Amino acid sequence: QVRLVESGGGLVQSGGSLRLSCAASGSIYSVDVMGWYRQVPGKQRELVATGASGGSTNYADSVKGRFTISRDSVKNTVYLQMNSLKPEDTAVYYCNAKGRTYHSPFDSWGQGTQVTVSS
């Protein structure tokens, strides 16, 4: 079983910055992709950014140029640096990781961390 623990959410004013962290632990053999998604009440969870083990990244259009995803492959940790935050970035942010344990593939989610951007 793979566990993801997120940290770094909070309340920030519009234009401010936050950095989210997510650490994966457990019987991990390899992590192929780590990423961040977000969800607001009444809406579907949406992609924010992903980072693959080969170094490629993918961002939602709404965050391009403002958010940066990075990974520490040794620590199985992913970060999301969020700059120039806007009220519409307010959401619960979830970490996701896909890879393999020593026995099977995994696709795990964190518990979520609240990000609130005030206008």
PDB file of N, CA and C in Angstrom:
ATOM      1  N   GLN A   1       0.851  -1.191   0.000  1.00  0.00           N
ATOM      2  CA  GLN A   1       0.000   0.000   0.000  1.00  0.00           C
ATOM      3  C   GLN A   1       0.882   1.235   0.000  1.00  0.00           C
ATOM      4  N   VAL A   2       0.494   2.222  -0.790  1.00  0.00           N
ATOM      5  CA  VAL A   2       1.252   3.464  -0.898  1.00  0.00           C
ATOM      6  C   VAL A   2       0.445   4.585  -0.267  1.00  0.00           C
ATOM      7  N   ARG A   3       1.086   5.314   0.596  1.00  0.00           N
ATOM      8  CA  ARG A   3       0.425   6.423   1.296  1.00  0.00           C
ATOM      9  C   ARG A   3       1.010   7.741   0.819  1.00  0.00           C
ATOM     10  N   LEU A   4       0.132   8.726   0.603  1.00  0.00           N
ATOM     11  CA  LEU A   4       0.557  10.069   0.209  1.00  0.00           C
ATOM     12  C   LEU A   4       0.163  11.049   1.305  1.00  0.00           C
ATOM     13  N   VAL A   5       1.089  11.865   1.717  1.00  0.00           N
ATOM     14  CA  VAL A   5       0.829  12.867   2.750  1.00  0.00           C
ATOM     15  C   VAL A   5       1.157  14.244   2.190  1.00  0.00           C
ATOM     16  N   GLU A   6       0.141  15.109   2.182  1.00  0.00           N
ATOM     17  CA  GLU A   6       0.279  16.451   1.627  1.00  0.00           C
ATOM     18  C   GLU A   6       0.472  17.470   2.739  1.00  0.00           C
ATOM     19  N   SER A   7       1.092  18.578   2.383  1.00  0.00           N
ATOM     20  CA  SER A   7       1.224  19.693   3.315  1.00  0.00           C
ATOM     21  C   SER A   7       1.395  20.978   2.522  1.00  0.00           C
ATOM     22  N   GLY A   8       1.182  22.107   3.192  1.00  0.00           N
ATOM     23  CA  GLY A   8       1.472  23.387   2.581  1.00  0.00           C
ATOM     24  C   GLY A   8       0.283  24.225   2.183  1.00  0.00           C
ATOM     25  N   GLY A   9      -0.926  23.722   2.339  1.00  0.00           N
ATOM     26  CA  GLY A   9      -2.079  24.537   1.999  1.00  0.00           C
ATOM     27  C   GLY A   9      -2.293  25.638   3.012  1.00  0.00           C
ATOM     28  N   GLY A  10      -3.259  26.498   2.732  1.00  0.00           N
ATOM     29  CA  GLY A  10      -3.557  27.582   3.660  1.00  0.00           C
ATOM     30  C   GLY A  10      -4.307  28.705   3.005  1.00  0.00           C
ATOM     31  N   LEU A  11      -4.318  29.836   3.709  1.00  0.00           N
ATOM     32  CA  LEU A  11      -5.013  31.039   3.244  1.00  0.00           C
ATOM     33  C   LEU A  11      -3.978  32.055   2.785  1.00  0.00           C
ATOM     34  N   VAL A  12      -4.195  32.616   1.624  1.00  0.00           N
ATOM     35  CA  VAL A  12      -3.273  33.606   1.080  1.00  0.00           C
ATOM     36  C   VAL A  12      -4.067  34.659   0.319  1.00  0.00           C
ATOM     37  N   GLN A  13      -3.532  35.852   0.255  1.00  0.00           N
ATOM     38  CA  GLN A  13      -4.194  36.910  -0.494  1.00  0.00           C
ATOM     39  C   GLN A  13      -3.934  36.756  -1.989  1.00  0.00           C
ATOM     40  N   SER A  14      -4.815  37.312  -2.773  1.00  0.00           N
ATOM     41  CA  SER A  14      -4.650  37.306  -4.225  1.00  0.00           C
ATOM     42  C   SER A  14      -3.293  37.907  -4.598  1.00  0.00           C
ATOM     43  N   GLY A  15      -2.597  37.214  -5.498  1.00  0.00           N
ATOM     44  CA  GLY A  15      -1.254  37.636  -5.887  1.00  0.00           C
ATOM     45  C   GLY A  15      -0.150  36.990  -5.095  1.00  0.00           C
ATOM     46  N   GLY A  16      -0.511  36.306  -4.038  1.00  0.00           N
ATOM     47  CA  GLY A  16       0.469  35.672  -3.172  1.00  0.00           C
ATOM     48  C   GLY A  16       0.917  34.317  -3.689  1.00  0.00           C
ATOM     49  N   SER A  17       1.731  33.645  -2.877  1.00  0.00           N
ATOM     50  CA  SER A  17       2.314  32.360  -3.255  1.00  0.00           C
ATOM     51  C   SER A  17       2.124  31.334  -2.149  1.00  0.00           C
ATOM     52  N   LEU A  18       2.071  30.090  -2.555  1.00  0.00           N
ATOM     53  CA  LEU A  18       2.068  28.948  -1.645  1.00  0.00           C
ATOM     54  C   LEU A  18       2.860  27.827  -2.297  1.00  0.00           C
ATOM     55  N   ARG A  19       3.399  26.952  -1.465  1.00  0.00           N
ATOM     56  CA  ARG A  19       4.101  25.773  -1.968  1.00  0.00           C
ATOM     57  C   ARG A  19       3.514  24.537  -1.309  1.00  0.00           C
ATOM     58  N   LEU A  20       3.002  23.640  -2.129  1.00  0.00           N
ATOM     59  CA  LEU A  20       2.466  22.378  -1.641  1.00  0.00           C
ATOM     60  C   LEU A  20       3.527  21.283  -1.768  1.00  0.00           C
ATOM     61  N   SER A  21       3.495  20.367  -0.818  1.00  0.00           N
ATOM     62  CA  SER A  21       4.394  19.213  -0.855  1.00  0.00           C
ATOM     63  C   SER A  21       3.584  17.941  -0.685  1.00  0.00           C
ATOM     64  N   CYS A  22       4.078  16.869  -1.263  1.00  0.00           N
ATOM     65  CA  CYS A  22       3.406  15.566  -1.138  1.00  0.00           C
ATOM     66  C   CYS A  22       4.473  14.488  -1.143  1.00  0.00           C
ATOM     67  N   ALA A  23       4.500  13.710  -0.080  1.00  0.00           N
ATOM     68  CA  ALA A  23       5.488  12.638   0.044  1.00  0.00           C
ATOM     69  C   ALA A  23       4.802  11.284  -0.025  1.00  0.00           C
ATOM     70  N   ALA A  24       5.340  10.411  -0.845  1.00  0.00           N
ATOM     71  CA  ALA A  24       4.809   9.055  -0.984  1.00  0.00           C
ATOM     72  C   ALA A  24       5.661   8.091  -0.172  1.00  0.00           C
ATOM     73  N   SER A  25       4.992   7.165   0.501  1.00  0.00           N
ATOM     74  CA  SER A  25       5.710   6.177   1.297  1.00  0.00           C
ATOM     75  C   SER A  25       5.025   4.819   1.171  1.00  0.00           C
ATOM     76  N   GLY A  26       5.769   3.767   1.487  1.00  0.00           N
ATOM     77  CA  GLY A  26       5.241   2.410   1.382  1.00  0.00           C
ATOM     78  C   GLY A  26       6.189   1.541   0.600  1.00  0.00           C
ATOM     79  N   SER A  27       5.694   0.425   0.145  1.00  0.00           N
ATOM     80  CA  SER A  27       6.521  -0.536  -0.590  1.00  0.00           C
ATOM     81  C   SER A  27       6.621  -0.134  -2.061  1.00  0.00           C
ATOM     82  N   ILE A  28       7.288   0.976  -2.275  1.00  0.00           N
ATOM     83  CA  ILE A  28       7.363   1.539  -3.618  1.00  0.00           C
ATOM     84  C   ILE A  28       8.557   0.981  -4.370  1.00  0.00           C
ATOM     85  N   TYR A  29       8.296   0.451  -5.553  1.00  0.00           N
ATOM     86  CA  TYR A  29       9.376   0.029  -6.441  1.00  0.00           C
ATOM     87  C   TYR A  29       9.720   1.156  -7.405  1.00  0.00           C
ATOM     88  N   SER A  30       8.700   1.776  -7.970  1.00  0.00           N
ATOM     89  CA  SER A  30       8.922   2.908  -8.875  1.00  0.00           C
ATOM     90  C   SER A  30       7.698   3.804  -8.885  1.00  0.00           C
ATOM     91  N   VAL A  31       7.946   5.089  -9.093  1.00  0.00           N
ATOM     92  CA  VAL A  31       6.865   6.055  -9.247  1.00  0.00           C
ATOM     93  C   VAL A  31       6.978   6.636 -10.647  1.00  0.00           C
ATOM     94  N   ASP A  32       5.963   6.433 -11.453  1.00  0.00           N
ATOM     95  CA  ASP A  32       6.009   6.875 -12.841  1.00  0.00           C
ATOM     96  C   ASP A  32       5.550   8.323 -13.000  1.00  0.00           C
ATOM     97  N   VAL A  33       4.469   8.664 -12.335  1.00  0.00           N
ATOM     98  CA  VAL A  33       3.904  10.004 -12.451  1.00  0.00           C
ATOM     99  C   VAL A  33       3.428  10.465 -11.082  1.00  0.00           C
ATOM    100  N   MET A  34       3.746  11.698 -10.766  1.00  0.00           N
ATOM    101  CA  MET A  34       3.170  12.348  -9.584  1.00  0.00           C
ATOM    102  C   MET A  34       2.543  13.648 -10.037  1.00  0.00           C
ATOM    103  N   GLY A  35       1.426  13.979  -9.415  1.00  0.00           N
ATOM    104  CA  GLY A  35       0.760  15.193  -9.862  1.00  0.00           C
ATOM    105  C   GLY A  35      -0.191  15.768  -8.844  1.00  0.00           C
ATOM    106  N   TRP A  36      -0.776  16.878  -9.232  1.00  0.00           N
ATOM    107  CA  TRP A  36      -1.732  17.597  -8.398  1.00  0.00           C
ATOM    108  C   TRP A  36      -3.030  17.814  -9.161  1.00  0.00           C
ATOM    109  N   TYR A  37      -4.118  17.622  -8.446  1.00  0.00           N
ATOM    110  CA  TYR A  37      -5.444  17.871  -8.951  1.00  0.00           C
ATOM    111  C   TYR A  37      -6.141  18.767  -7.931  1.00  0.00           C
ATOM    112  N   ARG A  38      -7.233  19.389  -8.341  1.00  0.00           N
ATOM    113  CA  ARG A  38      -7.992  20.205  -7.402  1.00  0.00           C
ATOM    114  C   ARG A  38      -9.484  20.054  -7.642  1.00  0.00           C
ATOM    115  N   GLN A  39     -10.223  20.346  -6.599  1.00  0.00           N
ATOM    116  CA  GLN A  39     -11.676  20.177  -6.671  1.00  0.00           C
ATOM    117  C   GLN A  39     -12.354  21.232  -5.813  1.00  0.00           C
ATOM    118  N   VAL A  40     -13.404  21.818  -6.366  1.00  0.00           N
ATOM    119  CA  VAL A  40     -14.268  22.716  -5.612  1.00  0.00           C
ATOM    120  C   VAL A  40     -15.616  22.046  -5.465  1.00  0.00           C
ATOM    121  N   PRO A  41     -16.376  22.408  -4.435  1.00  0.00           N
ATOM    122  CA  PRO A  41     -17.676  21.760  -4.214  1.00  0.00           C
ATOM    123  C   PRO A  41     -18.577  21.862  -5.440  1.00  0.00           C
ATOM    124  N   GLY A  42     -19.176  20.742  -5.797  1.00  0.00           N
ATOM    125  CA  GLY A  42     -20.110  20.735  -6.907  1.00  0.00           C
ATOM    126  C   GLY A  42     -19.480  20.564  -8.274  1.00  0.00           C
ATOM    127  N   LYS A  43     -18.159  20.492  -8.309  1.00  0.00           N
ATOM    128  CA  LYS A  43     -17.470  20.331  -9.592  1.00  0.00           C
ATOM    129  C   LYS A  43     -16.580  19.089  -9.570  1.00  0.00           C
ATOM    130  N   GLN A  44     -16.230  18.626 -10.770  1.00  0.00           N
ATOM    131  CA  GLN A  44     -15.356  17.474 -10.875  1.00  0.00           C
ATOM    132  C   GLN A  44     -13.920  17.858 -10.521  1.00  0.00           C
ATOM    133  N   ARG A  45     -13.200  16.856 -10.059  1.00  0.00           N
ATOM    134  CA  ARG A  45     -11.779  17.062  -9.800  1.00  0.00           C
ATOM    135  C   ARG A  45     -11.075  17.306 -11.135  1.00  0.00           C
ATOM    136  N   GLU A  46     -10.166  18.289 -11.142  1.00  0.00           N
ATOM    137  CA  GLU A  46      -9.492  18.634 -12.391  1.00  0.00           C
ATOM    138  C   GLU A  46      -7.982  18.603 -12.230  1.00  0.00           C
ATOM    139  N   LEU A  47      -7.335  18.316 -13.346  1.00  0.00           N
ATOM    140  CA  LEU A  47      -5.883  18.293 -13.373  1.00  0.00           C
ATOM    141  C   LEU A  47      -5.321  19.689 -13.153  1.00  0.00           C
ATOM    142  N   VAL A  48      -4.287  19.769 -12.337  1.00  0.00           N
ATOM    143  CA  VAL A  48      -3.538  21.015 -12.197  1.00  0.00           C
ATOM    144  C   VAL A  48      -2.184  20.859 -12.900  1.00  0.00           C
ATOM    145  N   ALA A  49      -1.425  19.851 -12.500  1.00  0.00           N
ATOM    146  CA  ALA A  49      -0.110  19.625 -13.102  1.00  0.00           C
ATOM    147  C   ALA A  49       0.356  18.217 -12.788  1.00  0.00           C
ATOM    148  N   THR A  50       1.111  17.640 -13.710  1.00  0.00           N
ATOM    149  CA  THR A  50       1.731  16.345 -13.471  1.00  0.00           C
ATOM    150  C   THR A  50       3.191  16.377 -13.886  1.00  0.00           C
ATOM    151  N   GLY A  51       3.972  15.515 -13.255  1.00  0.00           N
ATOM    152  CA  GLY A  51       5.382  15.386 -13.588  1.00  0.00           C
ATOM    153  C   GLY A  51       5.739  13.916 -13.711  1.00  0.00           C
ATOM    154  N   ALA A  52       6.274  13.532 -14.856  1.00  0.00           N
ATOM    155  CA  ALA A  52       6.629  12.137 -15.088  1.00  0.00           C
ATOM    156  C   ALA A  52       8.075  11.872 -14.681  1.00  0.00           C
ATOM    157  N   SER A  53       8.390  10.604 -14.534  1.00  0.00           N
ATOM    158  CA  SER A  53       9.730  10.229 -14.077  1.00  0.00           C
ATOM    159  C   SER A  53      10.803  10.624 -15.076  1.00  0.00           C
ATOM    160  N   GLY A  54      10.430  10.718 -16.345  1.00  0.00           N
ATOM    161  CA  GLY A  54      11.403  11.118 -17.356  1.00  0.00           C
ATOM    162  C   GLY A  54      11.660  12.603 -17.409  1.00  0.00           C
ATOM    163  N   GLY A  55      10.880  13.365 -16.637  1.00  0.00           N
ATOM    164  CA  GLY A  55      11.090  14.807 -16.570  1.00  0.00           C
ATOM    165  C   GLY A  55      10.034  15.637 -17.265  1.00  0.00           C
ATOM    166  N   SER A  56       9.168  15.000 -18.044  1.00  0.00           N
ATOM    167  CA  SER A  56       8.141  15.775 -18.732  1.00  0.00           C
ATOM    168  C   SER A  56       7.095  16.257 -17.749  1.00  0.00           C
ATOM    169  N   THR A  57       6.522  17.397 -18.045  1.00  0.00           N
ATOM    170  CA  THR A  57       5.489  17.981 -17.198  1.00  0.00           C
ATOM    171  C   THR A  57       4.279  18.359 -18.048  1.00  0.00           C
ATOM    172  N   ASN A  58       3.150  18.480 -17.361  1.00  0.00           N
ATOM    173  CA  ASN A  58       1.903  18.845 -18.020  1.00  0.00           C
ATOM    174  C   ASN A  58       1.138  19.767 -17.097  1.00  0.00           C
ATOM    175  N   TYR A  59       0.602  20.845 -17.630  1.00  0.00           N
ATOM    176  CA  TYR A  59      -0.119  21.829 -16.817  1.00  0.00           C
ATOM    177  C   TYR A  59      -1.480  22.130 -17.420  1.00  0.00           C
ATOM    178  N   ALA A  60      -2.421  22.415 -16.551  1.00  0.00           N
ATOM    179  CA  ALA A  60      -3.682  22.971 -17.001  1.00  0.00           C
ATOM    180  C   ALA A  60      -3.424  24.361 -17.563  1.00  0.00           C
ATOM    181  N   ASP A  61      -4.173  24.723 -18.593  1.00  0.00           N
ATOM    182  CA  ASP A  61      -3.978  26.037 -19.200  1.00  0.00           C
ATOM    183  C   ASP A  61      -4.142  27.158 -18.183  1.00  0.00           C
ATOM    184  N   SER A  62      -5.032  26.967 -17.232  1.00  0.00           N
ATOM    185  CA  SER A  62      -5.354  28.019 -16.268  1.00  0.00           C
ATOM    186  C   SER A  62      -4.204  28.323 -15.309  1.00  0.00           C
ATOM    187  N   VAL A  63      -3.219  27.428 -15.223  1.00  0.00           N
ATOM    188  CA  VAL A  63      -2.121  27.642 -14.268  1.00  0.00           C
ATOM    189  C   VAL A  63      -0.770  27.812 -14.952  1.00  0.00           C
ATOM    190  N   LYS A  64      -0.732  27.658 -16.265  1.00  0.00           N
ATOM    191  CA  LYS A  64       0.543  27.785 -16.985  1.00  0.00           C
ATOM    192  C   LYS A  64       1.152  29.165 -16.746  1.00  0.00           C
ATOM    193  N   GLY A  65       2.440  29.168 -16.472  1.00  0.00           N
ATOM    194  CA  GLY A  65       3.136  30.412 -16.215  1.00  0.00           C
ATOM    195  C   GLY A  65       3.054  30.893 -14.778  1.00  0.00           C
ATOM    196  N   ARG A  66       2.188  30.274 -13.987  1.00  0.00           N
ATOM    197  CA  ARG A  66       2.047  30.671 -12.572  1.00  0.00           C
ATOM    198  C   ARG A  66       2.459  29.558 -11.612  1.00  0.00           C
ATOM    199  N   PHE A  67       2.183  28.313 -11.989  1.00  0.00           N
ATOM    200  CA  PHE A  67       2.480  27.165 -11.132  1.00  0.00           C
ATOM    201  C   PHE A  67       3.643  26.377 -11.722  1.00  0.00           C
ATOM    202  N   THR A  68       4.445  25.800 -10.833  1.00  0.00           N
ATOM    203  CA  THR A  68       5.557  24.958 -11.272  1.00  0.00           C
ATOM    204  C   THR A  68       5.564  23.673 -10.454  1.00  0.00           C
ATOM    205  N   ILE A  69       5.573  22.545 -11.149  1.00  0.00           N
ATOM    206  CA  ILE A  69       5.646  21.254 -10.474  1.00  0.00           C
ATOM    207  C   ILE A  69       7.087  20.761 -10.529  1.00  0.00           C
ATOM    208  N   SER A  70       7.529  20.157  -9.434  1.00  0.00           N
ATOM    209  CA  SER A  70       8.870  19.583  -9.404  1.00  0.00           C
ATOM    210  C   SER A  70       8.841  18.320  -8.553  1.00  0.00           C
ATOM    211  N   ARG A  71       9.809  17.458  -8.780  1.00  0.00           N
ATOM    212  CA  ARG A  71       9.861  16.179  -8.077  1.00  0.00           C
ATOM    213  C   ARG A  71      11.249  15.922  -7.510  1.00  0.00           C
ATOM    214  N   ASP A  72      11.263  15.268  -6.366  1.00  0.00           N
ATOM    215  CA  ASP A  72      12.486  14.715  -5.803  1.00  0.00           C
ATOM    216  C   ASP A  72      12.315  13.201  -5.886  1.00  0.00           C
ATOM    217  N   SER A  73      12.919  12.597  -6.882  1.00  0.00           N
ATOM    218  CA  SER A  73      12.703  11.166  -7.113  1.00  0.00           C
ATOM    219  C   SER A  73      13.296  10.300  -6.009  1.00  0.00           C
ATOM    220  N   VAL A  74      14.328  10.784  -5.362  1.00  0.00           N
ATOM    221  CA  VAL A  74      14.942  10.014  -4.279  1.00  0.00           C
ATOM    222  C   VAL A  74      13.994   9.939  -3.090  1.00  0.00           C
ATOM    223  N   LYS A  75      13.341  11.048  -2.813  1.00  0.00           N
ATOM    224  CA  LYS A  75      12.423  11.115  -1.664  1.00  0.00           C
ATOM    225  C   LYS A  75      10.988  10.779  -2.055  1.00  0.00           C
ATOM    226  N   ASN A  76      10.736  10.485  -3.317  1.00  0.00           N
ATOM    227  CA  ASN A  76       9.357  10.235  -3.795  1.00  0.00           C
ATOM    228  C   ASN A  76       8.429  11.358  -3.351  1.00  0.00           C
ATOM    229  N   THR A  77       8.866  12.561  -3.580  1.00  0.00           N
ATOM    230  CA  THR A  77       8.121  13.746  -3.165  1.00  0.00           C
ATOM    231  C   THR A  77       7.887  14.645  -4.371  1.00  0.00           C
ATOM    232  N   VAL A  78       6.702  15.235  -4.404  1.00  0.00           N
ATOM    233  CA  VAL A  78       6.371  16.186  -5.453  1.00  0.00           C
ATOM    234  C   VAL A  78       5.972  17.508  -4.820  1.00  0.00           C
ATOM    235  N   TYR A  79       6.345  18.582  -5.485  1.00  0.00           N
ATOM    236  CA  TYR A  79       6.056  19.927  -5.001  1.00  0.00           C
ATOM    237  C   TYR A  79       5.247  20.673  -6.053  1.00  0.00           C
ATOM    238  N   LEU A  80       4.450  21.622  -5.569  1.00  0.00           N
ATOM    239  CA  LEU A  80       3.745  22.531  -6.466  1.00  0.00           C
ATOM    240  C   LEU A  80       3.960  23.941  -5.962  1.00  0.00           C
ATOM    241  N   GLN A  81       4.762  24.694  -6.670  1.00  0.00           N
ATOM    242  CA  GLN A  81       4.963  26.102  -6.348  1.00  0.00           C
ATOM    243  C   GLN A  81       3.899  26.904  -7.061  1.00  0.00           C
ATOM    244  N   MET A  82       3.094  27.606  -6.288  1.00  0.00           N
ATOM    245  CA  MET A  82       1.978  28.361  -6.848  1.00  0.00           C
ATOM    246  C   MET A  82       2.226  29.849  -6.618  1.00  0.00           C
ATOM    247  N   ASN A  83       2.399  30.577  -7.693  1.00  0.00           N
ATOM    248  CA  ASN A  83       2.619  32.016  -7.635  1.00  0.00           C
ATOM    249  C   ASN A  83       1.462  32.755  -8.279  1.00  0.00           C
ATOM    250  N   SER A  84       1.383  34.038  -8.010  1.00  0.00           N
ATOM    251  CA  SER A  84       0.322  34.882  -8.590  1.00  0.00           C
ATOM    252  C   SER A  84      -1.045  34.238  -8.415  1.00  0.00           C
ATOM    253  N   LEU A  85      -1.318  33.809  -7.216  1.00  0.00           N
ATOM    254  CA  LEU A  85      -2.562  33.097  -6.958  1.00  0.00           C
ATOM    255  C   LEU A  85      -3.775  33.999  -7.145  1.00  0.00           C
ATOM    256  N   LYS A  86      -4.844  33.387  -7.613  1.00  0.00           N
ATOM    257  CA  LYS A  86      -6.086  34.095  -7.879  1.00  0.00           C
ATOM    258  C   LYS A  86      -7.209  33.463  -7.041  1.00  0.00           C
ATOM    259  N   PRO A  87      -8.260  34.212  -6.767  1.00  0.00           N
ATOM    260  CA  PRO A  87      -9.379  33.622  -6.010  1.00  0.00           C
ATOM    261  C   PRO A  87      -9.920  32.345  -6.660  1.00  0.00           C
ATOM    262  N   GLU A  88      -9.877  32.271  -7.979  1.00  0.00           N
ATOM    263  CA  GLU A  88     -10.391  31.072  -8.652  1.00  0.00           C
ATOM    264  C   GLU A  88      -9.489  29.859  -8.482  1.00  0.00           C
ATOM    265  N   ASP A  89      -8.325  30.021  -7.875  1.00  0.00           N
ATOM    266  CA  ASP A  89      -7.481  28.883  -7.524  1.00  0.00           C
ATOM    267  C   ASP A  89      -7.922  28.224  -6.220  1.00  0.00           C
ATOM    268  N   THR A  90      -8.861  28.844  -5.536  1.00  0.00           N
ATOM    269  CA  THR A  90      -9.358  28.278  -4.289  1.00  0.00           C
ATOM    270  C   THR A  90      -9.972  26.901  -4.533  1.00  0.00           C
ATOM    271  N   ALA A  91      -9.505  25.908  -3.797  1.00  0.00           N
ATOM    272  CA  ALA A  91      -9.966  24.528  -3.981  1.00  0.00           C
ATOM    273  C   ALA A  91      -9.269  23.640  -2.959  1.00  0.00           C
ATOM    274  N   VAL A  92      -9.722  22.400  -2.897  1.00  0.00           N
ATOM    275  CA  VAL A  92      -8.960  21.374  -2.199  1.00  0.00           C
ATOM    276  C   VAL A  92      -8.015  20.747  -3.226  1.00  0.00           C
ATOM    277  N   TYR A  93      -6.749  20.740  -2.892  1.00  0.00           N
ATOM    278  CA  TYR A  93      -5.728  20.206  -3.790  1.00  0.00           C
ATOM    279  C   TYR A  93      -5.348  18.797  -3.352  1.00  0.00           C
ATOM    280  N   TYR A  94      -5.369  17.882  -4.315  1.00  0.00           N
ATOM    281  CA  TYR A  94      -5.077  16.479  -4.044  1.00  0.00           C
ATOM    282  C   TYR A  94      -3.809  16.055  -4.786  1.00  0.00           C
ATOM    283  N   CYS A  95      -2.983  15.330  -4.087  1.00  0.00           N
ATOM    284  CA  CYS A  95      -1.804  14.736  -4.693  1.00  0.00           C
ATOM    285  C   CYS A  95      -2.159  13.356  -5.236  1.00  0.00           C
ATOM    286  N   ASN A  96      -1.569  12.992  -6.364  1.00  0.00           N
ATOM    287  CA  ASN A  96      -1.773  11.679  -6.964  1.00  0.00           C
ATOM    288  C   ASN A  96      -0.427  11.095  -7.384  1.00  0.00           C
ATOM    289  N   ALA A  97      -0.279   9.805  -7.211  1.00  0.00           N
ATOM    290  CA  ALA A  97       0.935   9.127  -7.655  1.00  0.00           C
ATOM    291  C   ALA A  97       0.571   7.800  -8.300  1.00  0.00           C
ATOM    292  N   LYS A  98       1.240   7.497  -9.398  1.00  0.00           N
ATOM    293  CA  LYS A  98       1.034   6.231 -10.114  1.00  0.00           C
ATOM    294  C   LYS A  98       2.390   5.560 -10.292  1.00  0.00           C
ATOM    295  N   GLY A  99       2.417   4.271 -10.069  1.00  0.00           N
ATOM    296  CA  GLY A  99       3.670   3.552 -10.233  1.00  0.00           C
ATOM    297  C   GLY A  99       3.492   2.089  -9.923  1.00  0.00           C
ATOM    298  N   ARG A 100       4.533   1.483  -9.376  1.00  0.00           N
ATOM    299  CA  ARG A 100       4.475   0.063  -9.044  1.00  0.00           C
ATOM    300  C   ARG A 100       5.059  -0.152  -7.655  1.00  0.00           C
ATOM    301  N   THR A 101       4.395  -1.034  -6.897  1.00  0.00           N
ATOM    302  CA  THR A 101       5.004  -1.561  -5.687  1.00  0.00           C
ATOM    303  C   THR A 101       5.800  -2.796  -6.100  1.00  0.00           C
ATOM    304  N   TYR A 102       6.308  -3.527  -5.157  1.00  0.00           N
ATOM    305  CA  TYR A 102       7.048  -4.743  -5.488  1.00  0.00           C
ATOM    306  C   TYR A 102       6.118  -5.868  -5.912  1.00  0.00           C
ATOM    307  N   HIS A 103       4.787  -5.609  -5.800  1.00  0.00           N
ATOM    308  CA  HIS A 103       3.826  -6.665  -6.104  1.00  0.00           C
ATOM    309  C   HIS A 103       2.848  -6.303  -7.218  1.00  0.00           C
ATOM    310  N   SER A 104       2.530  -4.991  -7.343  1.00  0.00           N
ATOM    311  CA  SER A 104       1.477  -4.618  -8.270  1.00  0.00           C
ATOM    312  C   SER A 104       1.542  -3.124  -8.577  1.00  0.00           C
ATOM    313  N   PRO A 105       0.805  -2.691  -9.603  1.00  0.00           N
ATOM    314  CA  PRO A 105       0.706  -1.256  -9.866  1.00  0.00           C
ATOM    315  C   PRO A 105      -0.077  -0.550  -8.769  1.00  0.00           C
ATOM    316  N   PHE A 106       0.151   0.729  -8.625  1.00  0.00           N
ATOM    317  CA  PHE A 106      -0.660   1.510  -7.695  1.00  0.00           C
ATOM    318  C   PHE A 106      -1.069   2.830  -8.321  1.00  0.00           C
ATOM    319  N   ASP A 107      -2.158   3.365  -7.826  1.00  0.00           N
ATOM    320  CA  ASP A 107      -2.695   4.679  -8.226  1.00  0.00           C
ATOM    321  C   ASP A 107      -3.303   5.262  -6.959  1.00  0.00           C
ATOM    322  N   SER A 108      -2.539   6.081  -6.271  1.00  0.00           N
ATOM    323  CA  SER A 108      -2.909   6.521  -4.923  1.00  0.00           C
ATOM    324  C   SER A 108      -3.184   8.019  -4.865  1.00  0.00           C
ATOM    325  N   TRP A 109      -4.038   8.378  -3.910  1.00  0.00           N
ATOM    326  CA  TRP A 109      -4.413   9.782  -3.686  1.00  0.00           C
ATOM    327  C   TRP A 109      -4.116  10.177  -2.250  1.00  0.00           C
ATOM    328  N   GLY A 110      -3.769  11.434  -2.094  1.00  0.00           N
ATOM    329  CA  GLY A 110      -3.628  12.004  -0.763  1.00  0.00           C
ATOM    330  C   GLY A 110      -4.976  12.408  -0.207  1.00  0.00           C
ATOM    331  N   GLN A 111      -4.954  12.918   1.017  1.00  0.00           N
ATOM    332  CA  GLN A 111      -6.195  13.267   1.700  1.00  0.00           C
ATOM    333  C   GLN A 111      -6.720  14.635   1.288  1.00  0.00           C
ATOM    334  N   GLY A 112      -5.893  15.413   0.636  1.00  0.00           N
ATOM    335  CA  GLY A 112      -6.305  16.749   0.199  1.00  0.00           C
ATOM    336  C   GLY A 112      -5.851  17.830   1.159  1.00  0.00           C
ATOM    337  N   THR A 113      -5.526  18.978   0.605  1.00  0.00           N
ATOM    338  CA  THR A 113      -5.167  20.146   1.418  1.00  0.00           C
ATOM    339  C   THR A 113      -5.877  21.370   0.852  1.00  0.00           C
ATOM    340  N   GLN A 114      -6.456  22.153   1.740  1.00  0.00           N
ATOM    341  CA  GLN A 114      -7.257  23.297   1.320  1.00  0.00           C
ATOM    342  C   GLN A 114      -6.357  24.481   0.968  1.00  0.00           C
ATOM    343  N   VAL A 115      -6.623  25.072  -0.175  1.00  0.00           N
ATOM    344  CA  VAL A 115      -5.986  26.328  -0.577  1.00  0.00           C
ATOM    345  C   VAL A 115      -7.089  27.355  -0.763  1.00  0.00           C
ATOM    346  N   THR A 116      -6.988  28.457  -0.043  1.00  0.00           N
ATOM    347  CA  THR A 116      -7.975  29.522  -0.128  1.00  0.00           C
ATOM    348  C   THR A 116      -7.271  30.822  -0.486  1.00  0.00           C
ATOM    349  N   VAL A 117      -7.722  31.446  -1.564  1.00  0.00           N
ATOM    350  CA  VAL A 117      -7.135  32.704  -2.021  1.00  0.00           C
ATOM    351  C   VAL A 117      -8.184  33.795  -1.866  1.00  0.00           C
ATOM    352  N   SER A 118      -7.890  34.764  -1.039  1.00  0.00           N
ATOM    353  CA  SER A 118      -8.838  35.848  -0.790  1.00  0.00           C
ATOM    354  C   SER A 118      -8.587  37.005  -1.761  1.00  0.00           C
ATOM    355  N   SER A 119      -9.671  37.667  -2.122  1.00  0.00           N
ATOM    356  CA  SER A 119      -9.552  38.786  -3.081  1.00  0.00           C
ATOM    357  C   SER A 119      -9.261  40.090  -2.383  1.00  0.00           C
TER     358      SER A 119
END
